[in-house]
Amino acid sequence: QVQVVESGGGLVQPGGSLRLSCVASGSRVRIGTMGWYRQAPGMKREMVATITTGSKTVIAEPVKGRFTISRDNAKNTVVLQMNSLKPEDTAVYYCLASTPPYENWGQGTQVTVSS
């Protein structure tokens, strides 16, 4: 069983920055791809960024150039650095830690971008 815990959400003004962190834990688990997804009210969950164990990244077009993703394989952690935040980035952000063929999700952390 894998536990996934996010931290770092909050309220920020437009143009500001936030850093989301996620740690995956469990005995004898090998974490594969990790990533961040988000879901705004009334919208479907969408991919924000993913990163493989080899640090190959995929960044969604709406956040490209503003968000970066990184990970520490030894600690099973992944970080989403969010800069130049916009009101449309407001959503609940979820961390994904894959243990193929399974997906393990965190409980989500709220990010609100508002003046």
C-alpha atoms as a PDB file:
ATOM      1  CA  GLN A   1       0.000   0.000   0.000  1.00  0.00           C
ATOM      2  CA  VAL A   2       1.265   3.441  -0.961  1.00  0.00           C
ATOM      3  CA  GLN A   3       0.506   6.628   0.905  1.00  0.00           C
ATOM      4  CA  VAL A   4       0.701   9.880  -0.999  1.00  0.00           C
ATOM      5  CA  VAL A   5       0.690  13.176   0.856  1.00  0.00           C
ATOM      6  CA  GLU A   6       0.741  16.659  -0.669  1.00  0.00           C
ATOM      7  CA  SER A   7       1.614  19.953   0.975  1.00  0.00           C
ATOM      8  CA  GLY A   8       2.173  23.568   0.043  1.00  0.00           C
ATOM      9  CA  GLY A   9      -1.140  24.846  -1.272  1.00  0.00           C
ATOM     10  CA  GLY A  10      -2.678  28.123  -0.250  1.00  0.00           C
ATOM     11  CA  LEU A  11      -3.845  31.546  -1.331  1.00  0.00           C
ATOM     12  CA  VAL A  12      -1.615  33.674  -3.525  1.00  0.00           C
ATOM     13  CA  GLN A  13      -2.050  36.843  -5.535  1.00  0.00           C
ATOM     14  CA  PRO A  14      -1.851  36.797  -9.323  1.00  0.00           C
ATOM     15  CA  GLY A  15       1.755  36.807 -10.418  1.00  0.00           C
ATOM     16  CA  GLY A  16       2.877  35.110  -7.250  1.00  0.00           C
ATOM     17  CA  SER A  17       4.533  31.751  -6.675  1.00  0.00           C
ATOM     18  CA  LEU A  18       3.793  28.572  -4.771  1.00  0.00           C
ATOM     19  CA  ARG A  19       5.703  25.352  -4.282  1.00  0.00           C
ATOM     20  CA  LEU A  20       3.829  22.090  -3.936  1.00  0.00           C
ATOM     21  CA  SER A  21       5.524  19.053  -2.459  1.00  0.00           C
ATOM     22  CA  CYS A  22       4.485  15.420  -2.409  1.00  0.00           C
ATOM     23  CA  VAL A  23       5.921  12.368  -0.757  1.00  0.00           C
ATOM     24  CA  ALA A  24       5.005   8.770  -1.497  1.00  0.00           C
ATOM     25  CA  SER A  25       5.689   6.115   1.105  1.00  0.00           C
ATOM     26  CA  GLY A  26       5.100   2.429   1.621  1.00  0.00           C
ATOM     27  CA  SER A  27       7.030  -0.705   2.305  1.00  0.00           C
ATOM     28  CA  ARG A  28       8.790  -2.364  -0.569  1.00  0.00           C
ATOM     29  CA  VAL A  29       7.328  -0.060  -3.182  1.00  0.00           C
ATOM     30  CA  ARG A  30       8.987   1.078  -6.352  1.00  0.00           C
ATOM     31  CA  ILE A  31       7.567   4.383  -7.484  1.00  0.00           C
ATOM     32  CA  GLY A  32       7.404   4.972 -11.191  1.00  0.00           C
ATOM     33  CA  THR A  33       6.157   8.099 -12.864  1.00  0.00           C
ATOM     34  CA  MET A  34       5.051  10.866 -10.522  1.00  0.00           C
ATOM     35  CA  GLY A  35       3.052  13.901 -11.379  1.00  0.00           C
ATOM     36  CA  TRP A  36       0.597  16.636 -10.601  1.00  0.00           C
ATOM     37  CA  TYR A  37      -2.960  16.957 -11.770  1.00  0.00           C
ATOM     38  CA  ARG A  38      -5.561  19.563 -10.962  1.00  0.00           C
ATOM     39  CA  GLN A  39      -9.308  19.874 -10.887  1.00  0.00           C
ATOM     40  CA  ALA A  40     -11.200  23.123 -10.877  1.00  0.00           C
ATOM     41  CA  PRO A  41     -14.876  23.298  -9.801  1.00  0.00           C
ATOM     42  CA  GLY A  42     -17.124  21.808 -12.452  1.00  0.00           C
ATOM     43  CA  MET A  43     -14.174  20.699 -14.548  1.00  0.00           C
ATOM     44  CA  LYS A  44     -12.525  17.385 -15.258  1.00  0.00           C
ATOM     45  CA  ARG A  45      -9.216  16.532 -13.632  1.00  0.00           C
ATOM     46  CA  GLU A  46      -6.373  17.510 -15.959  1.00  0.00           C
ATOM     47  CA  MET A  47      -2.694  16.739 -16.130  1.00  0.00           C
ATOM     48  CA  VAL A  48      -0.370  19.556 -15.110  1.00  0.00           C
ATOM     49  CA  ALA A  49       3.048  17.918 -15.203  1.00  0.00           C
ATOM     50  CA  THR A  50       4.583  14.477 -14.964  1.00  0.00           C
ATOM     51  CA  ILE A  51       8.106  13.203 -14.469  1.00  0.00           C
ATOM     52  CA  THR A  52       9.581   9.749 -14.941  1.00  0.00           C
ATOM     53  CA  THR A  53      12.236   8.097 -12.806  1.00  0.00           C
ATOM     54  CA  GLY A  54      14.698   9.204 -15.465  1.00  0.00           C
ATOM     55  CA  SER A  55      13.511  12.806 -15.039  1.00  0.00           C
ATOM     56  CA  LYS A  56      11.793  13.017 -18.381  1.00  0.00           C
ATOM     57  CA  THR A  57       9.073  15.611 -18.002  1.00  0.00           C
ATOM     58  CA  VAL A  58       5.786  16.433 -19.678  1.00  0.00           C
ATOM     59  CA  ILE A  59       4.351  19.870 -18.989  1.00  0.00           C
ATOM     60  CA  ALA A  60       0.811  20.855 -19.944  1.00  0.00           C
ATOM     61  CA  GLU A  61       0.569  23.689 -22.428  1.00  0.00           C
ATOM     62  CA  PRO A  62      -1.370  26.109 -20.170  1.00  0.00           C
ATOM     63  CA  VAL A  63       1.440  26.085 -17.591  1.00  0.00           C
ATOM     64  CA  LYS A  64       4.471  25.669 -19.819  1.00  0.00           C
ATOM     65  CA  GLY A  65       7.113  28.251 -19.044  1.00  0.00           C
ATOM     66  CA  ARG A  66       5.587  28.978 -15.625  1.00  0.00           C
ATOM     67  CA  PHE A  67       5.599  25.632 -13.815  1.00  0.00           C
ATOM     68  CA  THR A  68       8.459  23.194 -13.346  1.00  0.00           C
ATOM     69  CA  ILE A  69       8.479  19.701 -11.913  1.00  0.00           C
ATOM     70  CA  SER A  70      11.318  17.862 -10.214  1.00  0.00           C
ATOM     71  CA  ARG A  71      11.757  14.741  -8.135  1.00  0.00           C
ATOM     72  CA  ASP A  72      14.083  12.972  -5.737  1.00  0.00           C
ATOM     73  CA  ASN A  73      13.985   9.254  -6.482  1.00  0.00           C
ATOM     74  CA  ALA A  74      15.753   8.315  -3.255  1.00  0.00           C
ATOM     75  CA  LYS A  75      13.098  10.079  -1.181  1.00  0.00           C
ATOM     76  CA  ASN A  76      10.126   9.395  -3.458  1.00  0.00           C
ATOM     77  CA  THR A  77       9.279  13.075  -3.512  1.00  0.00           C
ATOM     78  CA  VAL A  78       8.089  15.335  -6.290  1.00  0.00           C
ATOM     79  CA  VAL A  79       7.927  19.117  -6.318  1.00  0.00           C
ATOM     80  CA  LEU A  80       5.872  21.437  -8.484  1.00  0.00           C
ATOM     81  CA  GLN A  81       7.226  24.969  -8.598  1.00  0.00           C
ATOM     82  CA  MET A  82       4.534  27.339  -9.781  1.00  0.00           C
ATOM     83  CA  ASN A  83       5.473  30.850 -10.859  1.00  0.00           C
ATOM     84  CA  SER A  84       3.526  33.678 -12.458  1.00  0.00           C
ATOM     85  CA  LEU A  85       0.310  32.225 -11.155  1.00  0.00           C
ATOM     86  CA  LYS A  86      -2.964  33.220 -12.770  1.00  0.00           C
ATOM     87  CA  PRO A  87      -6.530  33.089 -11.453  1.00  0.00           C
ATOM     88  CA  GLU A  88      -7.237  30.246 -13.890  1.00  0.00           C
ATOM     89  CA  ASP A  89      -4.670  28.140 -12.024  1.00  0.00           C
ATOM     90  CA  THR A  90      -7.072  27.976  -9.103  1.00  0.00           C
ATOM     91  CA  ALA A  91      -7.908  24.326  -8.447  1.00  0.00           C
ATOM     92  CA  VAL A  92      -7.331  21.393  -6.166  1.00  0.00           C
ATOM     93  CA  TYR A  93      -3.955  19.920  -7.042  1.00  0.00           C
ATOM     94  CA  TYR A  94      -3.452  16.187  -6.735  1.00  0.00           C
ATOM     95  CA  CYS A  95      -0.202  14.245  -6.625  1.00  0.00           C
ATOM     96  CA  LEU A  96       0.104  10.975  -8.494  1.00  0.00           C
ATOM     97  CA  ALA A  97       2.639   8.296  -7.633  1.00  0.00           C
ATOM     98  CA  SER A  98       2.447   5.311  -9.926  1.00  0.00           C
ATOM     99  CA  THR A  99       3.341   1.776  -9.003  1.00  0.00           C
ATOM    100  CA  PRO A 100       2.530   0.171 -12.328  1.00  0.00           C
ATOM    101  CA  PRO A 101      -0.101  -0.902 -13.077  1.00  0.00           C
ATOM    102  CA  TYR A 102      -1.579   1.044 -10.177  1.00  0.00           C
ATOM    103  CA  GLU A 103      -2.114   4.751  -9.636  1.00  0.00           C
ATOM    104  CA  ASN A 104      -1.886   6.177  -6.148  1.00  0.00           C
ATOM    105  CA  TRP A 105      -3.364   9.584  -5.454  1.00  0.00           C
ATOM    106  CA  GLY A 106      -3.020  12.062  -2.659  1.00  0.00           C
ATOM    107  CA  GLN A 107      -5.945  13.790  -0.998  1.00  0.00           C
ATOM    108  CA  GLY A 108      -5.342  17.044  -2.851  1.00  0.00           C
ATOM    109  CA  THR A 109      -4.258  20.513  -1.831  1.00  0.00           C
ATOM    110  CA  GLN A 110      -6.134  23.700  -2.653  1.00  0.00           C
ATOM    111  CA  VAL A 111      -4.435  26.423  -4.658  1.00  0.00           C
ATOM    112  CA  THR A 112      -6.304  29.699  -4.927  1.00  0.00           C
ATOM    113  CA  VAL A 113      -5.012  32.586  -7.028  1.00  0.00           C
ATOM    114  CA  SER A 114      -6.894  35.746  -6.238  1.00  0.00           C
ATOM    115  CA  SER A 115      -6.341  39.375  -5.398  1.00  0.00           C
END
